[in-house]
C-alpha atoms as a PDB file:
ATOM      1  CA  UNK A   1      44.463   4.591 -32.236  1.00  0.00           C
ATOM      2  CA  UNK A   2      44.420   1.204 -30.685  1.00  0.00           C
ATOM      3  CA  UNK A   3      42.718   3.223 -27.177  1.00  0.00           C
ATOM      4  CA  UNK A   4      40.505   5.390 -29.512  1.00  0.00           C
ATOM      5  CA  UNK A   5      39.124   2.175 -31.183  1.00  0.00           C
ATOM      6  CA  UNK A   6      38.455   0.399 -27.882  1.00  0.00           C
ATOM      7  CA  UNK A   7      36.693   3.627 -26.444  1.00  0.00           C
ATOM      8  CA  UNK A   8      34.438   3.823 -29.544  1.00  0.00           C
ATOM      9  CA  UNK A   9      33.486  -0.082 -29.361  1.00  0.00           C
ATOM     10  CA  UNK A  10      32.895   0.480 -25.554  1.00  0.00           C
ATOM     11  CA  UNK A  11      30.652   3.168 -26.178  1.00  0.00           C
ATOM     12  CA  UNK A  12      28.657   1.397 -29.013  1.00  0.00           C
ATOM     13  CA  UNK A  13      28.494  -1.584 -26.486  1.00  0.00           C
ATOM     14  CA  UNK A  14      26.876   0.715 -23.715  1.00  0.00           C
ATOM     15  CA  UNK A  15      24.568   2.501 -25.851  1.00  0.00           C
ATOM     16  CA  UNK A  16      22.973  -0.440 -27.541  1.00  0.00           C
ATOM     17  CA  UNK A  17      23.050  -2.671 -24.382  1.00  0.00           C
ATOM     18  CA  UNK A  18      21.203   0.088 -22.495  1.00  0.00           C
ATOM     19  CA  UNK A  19      18.445   0.776 -25.276  1.00  0.00           C
ATOM     20  CA  UNK A  20      17.162  -2.970 -25.561  1.00  0.00           C
ATOM     21  CA  UNK A  21      13.650  -3.624 -23.616  1.00  0.00           C
ATOM     22  CA  UNK A  22      13.677  -6.314 -21.294  1.00  0.00           C
ATOM     23  CA  UNK A  23      12.372  -9.739 -22.643  1.00  0.00           C
ATOM     24  CA  UNK A  24       8.707  -9.933 -21.926  1.00  0.00           C
ATOM     25  CA  UNK A  25       9.309 -12.430 -18.541  1.00  0.00           C
ATOM     26  CA  UNK A  26      11.380  -9.402 -17.036  1.00  0.00           C
ATOM     27  CA  UNK A  27       8.656  -7.000 -17.292  1.00  0.00           C
ATOM     28  CA  UNK A  28       6.635  -6.099 -13.885  1.00  0.00           C
ATOM     29  CA  UNK A  29       3.065  -6.512 -14.002  1.00  0.00           C
ATOM     30  CA  UNK A  30       0.680  -5.905 -11.174  1.00  0.00           C
ATOM     31  CA  UNK A  31      -3.086  -6.875 -10.716  1.00  0.00           C
ATOM     32  CA  UNK A  32      -5.952  -5.407  -8.349  1.00  0.00           C
ATOM     33  CA  UNK A  33      -7.299  -7.950  -6.021  1.00  0.00           C
ATOM     34  CA  UNK A  34      -9.574  -5.806  -4.352  1.00  0.00           C
ATOM     35  CA  UNK A  35     -10.467  -2.046  -4.355  1.00  0.00           C
ATOM     36  CA  UNK A  36     -12.431  -0.056  -1.829  1.00  0.00           C
ATOM     37  CA  UNK A  37     -13.461   3.639  -2.681  1.00  0.00           C
ATOM     38  CA  UNK A  38     -14.879   4.349   0.918  1.00  0.00           C
ATOM     39  CA  UNK A  39     -17.915   6.340  -0.177  1.00  0.00           C
ATOM     40  CA  UNK A  40     -19.781   4.243   2.271  1.00  0.00           C
ATOM     41  CA  UNK A  41     -18.807   2.646   5.640  1.00  0.00           C
ATOM     42  CA  UNK A  42     -19.856  -0.897   4.138  1.00  0.00           C
ATOM     43  CA  UNK A  43     -17.738  -3.712   5.319  1.00  0.00           C
ATOM     44  CA  UNK A  44     -15.603  -0.963   7.825  1.00  0.00           C
ATOM     45  CA  UNK A  45     -15.041  -3.040  10.672  1.00  0.00           C
ATOM     46  CA  UNK A  46     -14.058  -0.103  13.169  1.00  0.00           C
ATOM     47  CA  UNK A  47     -17.098   2.441  13.386  1.00  0.00           C
ATOM     48  CA  UNK A  48     -16.197   4.457  16.478  1.00  0.00           C
ATOM     49  CA  UNK A  49     -14.788   7.725  15.117  1.00  0.00           C
ATOM     50  CA  UNK A  50     -15.206   7.167  11.685  1.00  0.00           C
ATOM     51  CA  UNK A  51     -17.612   8.449   9.332  1.00  0.00           C
ATOM     52  CA  UNK A  52     -18.110   9.179   5.628  1.00  0.00           C
ATOM     53  CA  UNK A  53     -16.910  12.432   4.445  1.00  0.00           C
ATOM     54  CA  UNK A  54     -18.580  13.213   0.878  1.00  0.00           C
ATOM     55  CA  UNK A  55     -17.048  16.570   0.911  1.00  0.00           C
ATOM     56  CA  UNK A  56     -13.387  15.945   1.501  1.00  0.00           C
ATOM     57  CA  UNK A  57     -12.153  13.009  -1.192  1.00  0.00           C
ATOM     58  CA  UNK A  58      -9.262  12.250  -3.192  1.00  0.00           C
ATOM     59  CA  UNK A  59     -11.411  11.136  -5.972  1.00  0.00           C
ATOM     60  CA  UNK A  60     -14.811  13.428  -5.193  1.00  0.00           C
ATOM     61  CA  UNK A  61     -16.928  10.473  -4.029  1.00  0.00           C
ATOM     62  CA  UNK A  62     -16.247  10.483  -0.567  1.00  0.00           C
ATOM     63  CA  UNK A  63     -13.747   9.052   2.019  1.00  0.00           C
ATOM     64  CA  UNK A  64     -13.824   8.000   5.216  1.00  0.00           C
ATOM     65  CA  UNK A  65     -12.934  10.553   8.131  1.00  0.00           C
ATOM     66  CA  UNK A  66     -11.324   9.327  11.261  1.00  0.00           C
ATOM     67  CA  UNK A  67     -11.412  11.426  14.285  1.00  0.00           C
ATOM     68  CA  UNK A  68      -8.739  10.218  16.793  1.00  0.00           C
ATOM     69  CA  UNK A  69      -8.784  11.443  20.171  1.00  0.00           C
ATOM     70  CA  UNK A  70      -6.241   8.950  21.735  1.00  0.00           C
ATOM     71  CA  UNK A  71      -3.994   6.669  19.622  1.00  0.00           C
ATOM     72  CA  UNK A  72      -5.945   4.069  17.896  1.00  0.00           C
ATOM     73  CA  UNK A  73      -5.902   1.191  15.313  1.00  0.00           C
ATOM     74  CA  UNK A  74      -8.626   1.205  12.658  1.00  0.00           C
ATOM     75  CA  UNK A  75      -9.797  -1.712  11.430  1.00  0.00           C
ATOM     76  CA  UNK A  76     -10.869  -1.236   7.999  1.00  0.00           C
ATOM     77  CA  UNK A  77     -11.175  -4.594   5.921  1.00  0.00           C
ATOM     78  CA  UNK A  78     -10.786  -8.418   6.694  1.00  0.00           C
ATOM     79  CA  UNK A  79     -10.289 -10.607   3.266  1.00  0.00           C
ATOM     80  CA  UNK A  80     -10.494 -14.000   3.419  1.00  0.00           C
ATOM     81  CA  UNK A  81      -8.759 -16.653   1.148  1.00  0.00           C
ATOM     82  CA  UNK A  82      -7.248 -14.235  -1.328  1.00  0.00           C
ATOM     83  CA  UNK A  83      -5.894 -16.145  -4.352  1.00  0.00           C
ATOM     84  CA  UNK A  84      -2.034 -15.331  -3.872  1.00  0.00           C
ATOM     85  CA  UNK A  85       1.167 -16.939  -3.724  1.00  0.00           C
ATOM     86  CA  UNK A  86       4.806 -16.371  -4.755  1.00  0.00           C
ATOM     87  CA  UNK A  87       4.431 -12.663  -5.291  1.00  0.00           C
ATOM     88  CA  UNK A  88       4.328  -9.247  -3.666  1.00  0.00           C
ATOM     89  CA  UNK A  89       1.489  -8.236  -2.071  1.00  0.00           C
ATOM     90  CA  UNK A  90       0.718  -4.434  -1.666  1.00  0.00           C
ATOM     91  CA  UNK A  91      -1.578  -2.471   0.258  1.00  0.00           C
ATOM     92  CA  UNK A  92      -1.965   1.095  -0.870  1.00  0.00           C
ATOM     93  CA  UNK A  93      -4.429   4.030   0.138  1.00  0.00           C
ATOM     94  CA  UNK A  94      -4.543   7.751  -0.466  1.00  0.00           C
ATOM     95  CA  UNK A  95      -4.304   9.365   3.021  1.00  0.00           C
ATOM     96  CA  UNK A  96      -4.699  12.870   4.238  1.00  0.00           C
ATOM     97  CA  UNK A  97      -4.037  14.332   7.773  1.00  0.00           C
ATOM     98  CA  UNK A  98      -5.323  17.332   9.767  1.00  0.00           C
ATOM     99  CA  UNK A  99      -3.486  18.616  12.857  1.00  0.00           C
ATOM    100  CA  UNK A 100      -2.147  15.002  13.551  1.00  0.00           C
ATOM    101  CA  UNK A 101      -0.131  14.910  16.818  1.00  0.00           C
ATOM    102  CA  UNK A 102       2.094  11.449  16.394  1.00  0.00           C
ATOM    103  CA  UNK A 103       2.373   9.130  13.541  1.00  0.00           C
ATOM    104  CA  UNK A 104      -0.162   8.001  11.172  1.00  0.00           C
ATOM    105  CA  UNK A 105       0.505   4.470   9.011  1.00  0.00           C
ATOM    106  CA  UNK A 106      -0.920   1.796   7.167  1.00  0.00           C
ATOM    107  CA  UNK A 107      -0.800  -1.607   8.804  1.00  0.00           C
ATOM    108  CA  UNK A 108      -1.376  -5.290   7.096  1.00  0.00           C
ATOM    109  CA  UNK A 109      -1.519  -8.677   8.686  1.00  0.00           C
ATOM    110  CA  UNK A 110      -1.301 -11.700   6.993  1.00  0.00           C
ATOM    111  CA  UNK A 111      -2.563 -15.279   8.692  1.00  0.00           C
ATOM    112  CA  UNK A 112      -1.022 -18.334   7.212  1.00  0.00           C
ATOM    113  CA  UNK A 113      -2.569 -21.807   8.299  1.00  0.00           C
ATOM    114  CA  UNK A 114      -0.136 -23.394  10.799  1.00  0.00           C
ATOM    115  CA  UNK A 115       2.657 -20.497  10.772  1.00  0.00           C
ATOM    116  CA  UNK A 116       0.356 -17.611  12.295  1.00  0.00           C
ATOM    117  CA  UNK A 117       0.126 -14.034  11.979  1.00  0.00           C
ATOM    118  CA  UNK A 118       2.900 -11.861  10.338  1.00  0.00           C
ATOM    119  CA  UNK A 119       2.422  -8.167   9.596  1.00  0.00           C
ATOM    120  CA  UNK A 120       3.994  -5.432   7.578  1.00  0.00           C
ATOM    121  CA  UNK A 121       3.713  -1.694   8.773  1.00  0.00           C
ATOM    122  CA  UNK A 122       4.344   1.903   7.041  1.00  0.00           C
ATOM    123  CA  UNK A 123       6.509   3.109   9.648  1.00  0.00           C
ATOM    124  CA  UNK A 124       9.221   4.305   6.973  1.00  0.00           C
ATOM    125  CA  UNK A 125       7.034   6.899   5.980  1.00  0.00           C
ATOM    126  CA  UNK A 126       4.854   7.915   8.575  1.00  0.00           C
ATOM    127  CA  UNK A 127       2.302  11.080   8.294  1.00  0.00           C
ATOM    128  CA  UNK A 128       2.119  13.754  10.969  1.00  0.00           C
ATOM    129  CA  UNK A 129       0.891  17.288  11.109  1.00  0.00           C
ATOM    130  CA  UNK A 130      -1.491  18.504   8.350  1.00  0.00           C
ATOM    131  CA  UNK A 131      -0.784  17.068   5.082  1.00  0.00           C
ATOM    132  CA  UNK A 132      -2.623  17.037   1.605  1.00  0.00           C
ATOM    133  CA  UNK A 133      -3.373  13.648  -0.096  1.00  0.00           C
ATOM    134  CA  UNK A 134      -0.718  11.324  -0.359  1.00  0.00           C
ATOM    135  CA  UNK A 135      -0.461   7.974  -1.422  1.00  0.00           C
ATOM    136  CA  UNK A 136       0.929   5.695   0.688  1.00  0.00           C
ATOM    137  CA  UNK A 137       1.785   1.686   0.520  1.00  0.00           C
ATOM    138  CA  UNK A 138       3.304  -1.245   2.026  1.00  0.00           C
ATOM    139  CA  UNK A 139       4.285  -4.631   0.729  1.00  0.00           C
ATOM    140  CA  UNK A 140       4.344  -8.191   2.198  1.00  0.00           C
ATOM    141  CA  UNK A 141       6.232 -10.487   0.205  1.00  0.00           C
ATOM    142  CA  UNK A 142       4.724 -14.157   0.004  1.00  0.00           C
ATOM    143  CA  UNK A 143       6.639 -16.889  -0.845  1.00  0.00           C
ATOM    144  CA  UNK A 144       6.251 -20.081  -2.942  1.00  0.00           C
ATOM    145  CA  UNK A 145       4.094 -22.123  -1.094  1.00  0.00           C
ATOM    146  CA  UNK A 146       2.776 -19.921   1.299  1.00  0.00           C
ATOM    147  CA  UNK A 147      -1.157 -18.716   0.914  1.00  0.00           C
ATOM    148  CA  UNK A 148      -2.618 -16.735   3.475  1.00  0.00           C
ATOM    149  CA  UNK A 149      -6.092 -17.198   4.660  1.00  0.00           C
ATOM    150  CA  UNK A 150      -6.967 -13.840   6.048  1.00  0.00           C
ATOM    151  CA  UNK A 151      -5.667 -10.583   5.251  1.00  0.00           C
ATOM    152  CA  UNK A 152      -6.365  -7.535   7.628  1.00  0.00           C
ATOM    153  CA  UNK A 153      -6.173  -4.020   6.496  1.00  0.00           C
ATOM    154  CA  UNK A 154      -5.654  -1.447   9.163  1.00  0.00           C
ATOM    155  CA  UNK A 155      -4.733   2.020   9.953  1.00  0.00           C
ATOM    156  CA  UNK A 156      -2.595   3.039  12.808  1.00  0.00           C
ATOM    157  CA  UNK A 157      -2.863   6.559  14.589  1.00  0.00           C
ATOM    158  CA  UNK A 158      -0.537   6.467  17.097  1.00  0.00           C
ATOM    159  CA  UNK A 159      -1.279   9.848  18.366  1.00  0.00           C
ATOM    160  CA  UNK A 160      -4.564  12.358  17.863  1.00  0.00           C
ATOM    161  CA  UNK A 161      -6.315  14.437  15.153  1.00  0.00           C
ATOM    162  CA  UNK A 162      -8.065  14.021  11.949  1.00  0.00           C
ATOM    163  CA  UNK A 163      -6.996  11.307   9.200  1.00  0.00           C
ATOM    164  CA  UNK A 164      -8.710  10.944   5.732  1.00  0.00           C
ATOM    165  CA  UNK A 165      -8.601   7.603   3.890  1.00  0.00           C
ATOM    166  CA  UNK A 166      -9.688   6.764   0.438  1.00  0.00           C
ATOM    167  CA  UNK A 167      -8.997   4.438  -2.514  1.00  0.00           C
ATOM    168  CA  UNK A 168      -7.686   1.598  -0.567  1.00  0.00           C
ATOM    169  CA  UNK A 169      -6.261  -1.022  -3.410  1.00  0.00           C
ATOM    170  CA  UNK A 170      -4.635  -4.730  -2.547  1.00  0.00           C
ATOM    171  CA  UNK A 171      -2.542  -4.994  -5.533  1.00  0.00           C
ATOM    172  CA  UNK A 172      -0.563  -8.335  -6.504  1.00  0.00           C
ATOM    173  CA  UNK A 173       3.051  -8.109  -7.998  1.00  0.00           C
ATOM    174  CA  UNK A 174       5.567  -9.930  -9.141  1.00  0.00           C
ATOM    175  CA  UNK A 175       8.549 -10.813  -6.733  1.00  0.00           C
END
Protein backbone atom coordinates (compact mmCIF):
# COMPACT_ATOMS: atom_id res chain seq x y z
CA UNK A 1 0.00 0.00 0.00
CA UNK A 2 2.86 2.29 0.85
CA UNK A 3 4.39 1.80 -2.64
CA UNK A 4 1.01 2.34 -4.32
CA UNK A 5 0.55 5.66 -2.52
CA UNK A 6 4.06 6.73 -3.57
CA UNK A 7 3.34 5.83 -7.23
CA UNK A 8 0.03 7.73 -7.23
CA UNK A 9 1.73 10.78 -5.72
CA UNK A 10 4.55 10.57 -8.28
CA UNK A 11 2.11 10.31 -11.22
CA UNK A 12 0.09 13.31 -9.97
CA UNK A 13 3.30 15.30 -9.51
CA UNK A 14 4.50 14.52 -13.04
CA UNK A 15 1.15 15.30 -14.69
CA UNK A 16 0.63 18.60 -12.86
CA UNK A 17 4.26 19.61 -13.23
CA UNK A 18 4.26 19.01 -17.00
CA UNK A 19 0.89 20.66 -17.66
CA UNK A 20 1.74 24.08 -16.26
CA UNK A 21 2.56 26.78 -18.78
CA UNK A 22 5.90 28.50 -18.43
CA UNK A 23 6.05 31.91 -16.77
CA UNK A 24 5.78 34.88 -19.18
CA UNK A 25 9.52 35.63 -18.98
CA UNK A 26 10.34 32.11 -20.19
CA UNK A 27 8.21 32.33 -23.35
CA UNK A 28 10.30 32.78 -26.48
CA UNK A 29 9.63 35.79 -28.64
CA UNK A 30 10.95 36.66 -32.07
CA UNK A 31 10.94 39.91 -34.00
CA UNK A 32 11.47 40.51 -37.71
CA UNK A 33 14.29 43.03 -38.01
CA UNK A 34 14.28 43.09 -41.81
CA UNK A 35 12.53 41.22 -44.59
CA UNK A 36 13.39 40.96 -48.29
CA UNK A 37 10.75 39.46 -50.60
CA UNK A 38 13.13 39.39 -53.61
CA UNK A 39 10.76 40.34 -56.41
CA UNK A 40 13.28 43.00 -57.56
CA UNK A 41 17.08 43.35 -57.63
CA UNK A 42 16.89 46.45 -55.46
CA UNK A 43 19.70 46.40 -52.91
CA UNK A 44 21.20 43.11 -54.16
CA UNK A 45 24.98 43.52 -54.31
CA UNK A 46 26.04 40.70 -56.66
CA UNK A 47 24.45 41.10 -60.09
CA UNK A 48 26.49 38.69 -62.22
CA UNK A 49 24.44 35.52 -62.82
CA UNK A 50 21.57 36.87 -60.70
CA UNK A 51 18.12 37.74 -62.07
CA UNK A 52 14.52 38.07 -60.92
CA UNK A 53 12.37 35.05 -61.75
CA UNK A 54 8.67 35.98 -61.76
CA UNK A 55 7.52 32.41 -62.55
CA UNK A 56 9.30 30.39 -59.85
CA UNK A 57 8.75 31.77 -56.37
CA UNK A 58 7.90 30.55 -52.88
CA UNK A 59 5.35 33.33 -52.37
CA UNK A 60 4.11 33.82 -55.95
CA UNK A 61 5.64 37.30 -56.33
CA UNK A 62 9.07 36.46 -57.73
CA UNK A 63 12.42 35.25 -56.46
CA UNK A 64 16.08 35.59 -57.33
CA UNK A 65 17.51 32.93 -59.64
CA UNK A 66 21.26 32.45 -59.56
CA UNK A 67 22.95 30.54 -62.33
CA UNK A 68 26.38 29.44 -61.10
CA UNK A 69 28.82 28.21 -63.74
CA UNK A 70 31.58 28.04 -61.14
CA UNK A 71 31.62 28.23 -57.32
CA UNK A 72 30.57 31.67 -56.11
CA UNK A 73 29.52 33.76 -53.14
CA UNK A 74 26.42 35.79 -53.89
CA UNK A 75 26.56 38.97 -51.84
CA UNK A 76 22.91 39.73 -51.20
CA UNK A 77 22.53 42.52 -48.66
CA UNK A 78 24.53 44.59 -46.19
CA UNK A 79 22.72 46.09 -43.22
CA UNK A 80 24.19 48.83 -41.05
CA UNK A 81 23.46 49.63 -37.43
CA UNK A 82 20.79 47.03 -36.79
CA UNK A 83 19.60 47.50 -33.18
CA UNK A 84 20.49 44.17 -31.64
CA UNK A 85 22.36 43.15 -28.50
CA UNK A 86 22.14 40.20 -26.12
CA UNK A 87 20.04 38.21 -28.58
CA UNK A 88 19.97 35.40 -31.10
CA UNK A 89 20.19 36.77 -34.64
CA UNK A 90 18.77 34.44 -37.31
CA UNK A 91 19.25 34.70 -41.08
CA UNK A 92 16.41 32.76 -42.71
CA UNK A 93 15.59 32.25 -46.39
CA UNK A 94 13.67 29.93 -48.67
CA UNK A 95 15.88 28.07 -51.16
CA UNK A 96 15.29 25.85 -54.17
CA UNK A 97 17.96 24.14 -56.29
CA UNK A 98 18.24 22.52 -59.70
CA UNK A 99 21.09 20.24 -60.79
CA UNK A 100 23.52 21.66 -58.25
CA UNK A 101 26.85 19.91 -58.01
CA UNK A 102 28.49 20.84 -54.73
CA UNK A 103 26.84 22.54 -51.77
CA UNK A 104 24.53 25.52 -51.32
CA UNK A 105 24.20 27.26 -47.95
CA UNK A 106 23.54 30.56 -46.21
CA UNK A 107 26.35 32.70 -44.80
CA UNK A 108 26.14 35.68 -42.44
CA UNK A 109 29.00 37.98 -41.44
CA UNK A 110 28.78 40.34 -38.46
CA UNK A 111 31.32 43.12 -37.93
CA UNK A 112 31.88 44.38 -34.39
CA UNK A 113 33.78 47.63 -33.80
CA UNK A 114 37.22 47.00 -32.30
CA UNK A 115 36.73 43.21 -32.57
CA UNK A 116 36.45 42.53 -36.30
CA UNK A 117 34.41 40.18 -38.49
CA UNK A 118 32.77 36.93 -37.39
CA UNK A 119 30.63 34.55 -39.42
CA UNK A 120 27.97 31.87 -39.27
CA UNK A 121 27.49 29.34 -42.09
CA UNK A 122 24.80 26.77 -42.78
CA UNK A 123 27.26 23.92 -43.29
CA UNK A 124 25.18 21.55 -41.11
CA UNK A 125 22.43 21.30 -43.74
CA UNK A 126 23.70 22.30 -47.19
CA UNK A 127 21.55 21.70 -50.25
CA UNK A 128 22.72 19.78 -53.31
CA UNK A 129 21.16 18.28 -56.43
CA UNK A 130 17.56 19.27 -57.15
CA UNK A 131 15.27 20.30 -54.30
CA UNK A 132 11.90 21.95 -53.93
CA UNK A 133 11.49 25.00 -51.66
CA UNK A 134 13.00 24.54 -48.20
CA UNK A 135 13.46 27.01 -45.38
CA UNK A 136 17.07 27.29 -44.27
CA UNK A 137 18.33 29.34 -41.35
CA UNK A 138 21.53 30.07 -39.50
CA UNK A 139 21.90 31.62 -36.04
CA UNK A 140 24.42 34.07 -34.64
CA UNK A 141 24.55 34.63 -30.87
CA UNK A 142 25.21 38.25 -29.90
CA UNK A 143 26.30 38.77 -26.33
CA UNK A 144 25.41 41.64 -24.05
CA UNK A 145 27.63 44.62 -24.80
CA UNK A 146 28.36 43.49 -28.37
CA UNK A 147 26.62 45.51 -31.08
CA UNK A 148 27.37 44.75 -34.73
CA UNK A 149 27.68 47.81 -36.95
CA UNK A 150 27.50 45.80 -40.20
CA UNK A 151 25.71 42.55 -41.09
CA UNK A 152 26.32 40.85 -44.46
CA UNK A 153 23.88 38.28 -45.85
CA UNK A 154 25.32 35.95 -48.47
CA UNK A 155 24.45 32.78 -50.35
CA UNK A 156 27.32 30.38 -51.04
CA UNK A 157 27.23 28.07 -54.05
CA UNK A 158 30.21 25.75 -53.71
CA UNK A 159 29.75 24.15 -57.12
CA UNK A 160 27.54 24.91 -60.08
CA UNK A 161 23.85 24.79 -61.01
CA UNK A 162 20.74 26.91 -60.48
CA UNK A 163 19.57 28.23 -57.14
CA UNK A 164 16.48 30.25 -56.27
CA UNK A 165 16.28 32.30 -53.08
CA UNK A 166 13.17 34.01 -51.74
CA UNK A 167 11.68 35.57 -48.62
CA UNK A 168 14.85 36.47 -46.71
CA UNK A 169 14.28 37.37 -43.08
CA UNK A 170 16.60 38.71 -40.41
CA UNK A 171 15.06 37.73 -37.08
CA UNK A 172 15.85 38.72 -33.50
CA UNK A 173 15.17 36.08 -30.87
CA UNK A 174 15.93 35.65 -27.20
CA UNK A 175 19.07 33.85 -26.07
